[in-house]
Protein backbone atom coordinates (compact mmCIF):
# COMPACT_ATOMS: atom_id res chain seq x y z
CA MET A 1 35.80 -16.79 -65.65
CA THR A 2 33.65 -15.46 -62.81
CA PHE A 3 34.46 -15.02 -59.17
CA ASP A 4 32.67 -17.21 -56.70
CA SER A 5 30.98 -15.00 -54.11
CA LYS A 6 32.22 -17.38 -51.40
CA LEU A 7 35.79 -16.32 -52.11
CA MET A 8 35.07 -12.64 -51.57
CA ARG A 9 35.17 -11.85 -47.86
CA SER A 10 34.02 -8.67 -46.19
CA PRO A 11 36.43 -6.68 -44.00
CA SER A 12 34.46 -7.67 -40.89
CA GLU A 13 34.65 -11.35 -41.84
CA ILE A 14 38.40 -11.05 -42.37
CA LYS A 15 38.74 -9.44 -38.93
CA ARG A 16 36.79 -12.32 -37.36
CA ILE A 17 39.08 -14.84 -39.06
CA VAL A 18 42.20 -12.98 -37.92
CA GLU A 19 40.82 -12.76 -34.38
CA GLY A 20 40.17 -16.50 -34.34
CA ARG A 21 43.70 -17.24 -35.54
CA LEU A 22 45.16 -14.90 -32.94
CA ARG A 23 43.12 -16.41 -30.11
CA PHE A 24 44.17 -19.93 -31.16
CA TYR A 25 47.84 -18.85 -31.40
CA LEU A 26 47.70 -17.36 -27.91
CA SER A 27 45.87 -20.37 -26.48
CA ARG A 28 49.09 -22.33 -26.98
CA ASP A 29 51.22 -19.71 -25.18
CA ARG A 30 52.51 -21.66 -22.17
CA THR A 31 55.18 -19.16 -21.10
CA GLY A 32 53.55 -15.79 -21.84
CA ILE A 33 56.17 -14.83 -24.43
CA ARG A 34 53.70 -14.63 -27.32
CA ARG A 35 51.38 -12.37 -25.36
CA GLU A 36 54.32 -10.17 -24.31
CA VAL A 37 55.51 -9.85 -27.93
CA LEU A 38 52.09 -8.54 -28.90
CA ARG A 39 52.01 -6.17 -25.91
CA LEU A 40 55.36 -4.76 -27.03
CA PHE A 41 54.00 -4.13 -30.52
CA VAL A 42 51.02 -2.30 -29.05
CA LYS A 43 53.21 -0.18 -26.76
CA LEU A 44 56.22 0.51 -28.98
CA ARG A 45 54.54 0.32 -32.40
CA SER A 46 57.65 -0.41 -34.52
CA LEU A 47 60.32 -2.97 -33.56
CA THR A 48 63.14 -5.00 -35.03
CA ILE A 49 63.83 -8.57 -33.97
CA ALA A 50 66.87 -7.30 -32.03
CA ASP A 51 64.67 -4.77 -30.21
CA LEU A 52 62.22 -7.51 -29.26
CA VAL A 53 64.97 -9.84 -28.04
CA ALA A 54 66.49 -7.08 -25.90
CA GLU A 55 63.10 -6.28 -24.34
CA LEU A 56 62.14 -9.93 -23.79
CA GLN A 57 65.48 -11.01 -22.31
CA THR A 58 64.68 -9.01 -19.18
CA GLN A 59 61.82 -11.47 -18.41
CA PHE A 60 62.41 -14.62 -20.47
CA ALA A 61 65.23 -16.85 -21.71
CA VAL A 62 64.85 -16.24 -25.46
CA THR A 63 67.03 -16.53 -28.54
CA PHE A 64 67.13 -14.33 -31.61
CA HIS A 65 66.11 -17.26 -33.80
CA ALA A 66 63.10 -18.15 -31.63
CA ILE A 67 61.79 -14.58 -31.63
CA ALA A 68 62.40 -14.19 -35.37
CA SER A 69 60.40 -17.36 -35.94
CA MET A 70 57.60 -16.13 -33.68
CA VAL A 71 57.39 -12.78 -35.46
CA GLY A 72 57.39 -14.55 -38.83
CA ILE A 73 54.40 -16.63 -37.81
CA ILE A 74 52.54 -13.58 -36.50
CA ALA A 75 53.29 -11.68 -39.71
CA SER A 76 52.57 -14.42 -42.23
CA ARG A 77 50.04 -16.86 -40.77
CA ILE A 78 48.04 -14.47 -38.64
CA GLY A 79 48.72 -11.48 -40.88
CA ILE A 80 48.67 -8.66 -38.34
CA LEU A 81 52.22 -7.32 -38.77
CA ARG A 82 53.72 -5.23 -41.55
CA ALA A 83 57.43 -5.60 -42.35
CA GLN A 84 59.52 -2.78 -43.80
CA ARG A 85 63.22 -2.95 -44.58
CA ASN A 86 65.28 0.07 -43.54
CA ALA A 87 68.39 1.43 -45.30
CA ASP A 88 70.63 -1.03 -43.41
CA GLY A 89 68.57 -3.99 -44.62
CA VAL A 90 67.06 -4.63 -41.18
CA HIS A 91 63.34 -5.32 -41.03
CA ASN A 92 61.14 -3.15 -38.84
CA TYR A 93 57.86 -4.78 -37.91
CA GLU A 94 54.75 -2.93 -36.87
CA LEU A 95 51.21 -3.87 -35.99
CA LYS A 96 48.79 -3.13 -38.82
CA GLU A 97 46.48 -0.32 -37.75
CA LYS A 98 43.31 -2.17 -38.77
CA TYR A 99 44.10 -4.97 -36.28
CA PHE A 100 45.28 -2.74 -33.43
CA ASP A 101 41.91 -2.79 -31.61
CA ILE A 102 41.67 -6.60 -31.83
CA VAL A 103 45.14 -7.08 -30.37
CA VAL A 104 44.50 -4.56 -27.59
CA ARG A 105 41.27 -6.32 -26.67
CA ILE A 106 42.82 -9.80 -26.69
CA VAL A 107 46.11 -9.08 -24.88
CA GLY A 108 44.58 -6.57 -22.49
CA VAL A 109 46.79 -3.57 -23.15
CA SER A 110 45.42 -0.04 -23.08
């Protein structure tokens, strides 16, 4: 069995795909919550869902479940977050370093 060369993507092509997914995801952000979640990941680097909810509740009416769902989509469908479970079994999420520059450029955080 041989690999089809169409299935093998270069790192730059993968970045373009991820950027397209991220732009589409943010294009449906009517409240600004999605953009703010990404800004928080850029600024604070590593967060739990509880951390995100606490930060976001100062500006938005959010629930734990809604934010957990949002982070799950960003991690799995877009693929820019890494999840690590700590000793207490709580997941810490962080922005993958290779996508940091894309997120900064798109959400406008320096």
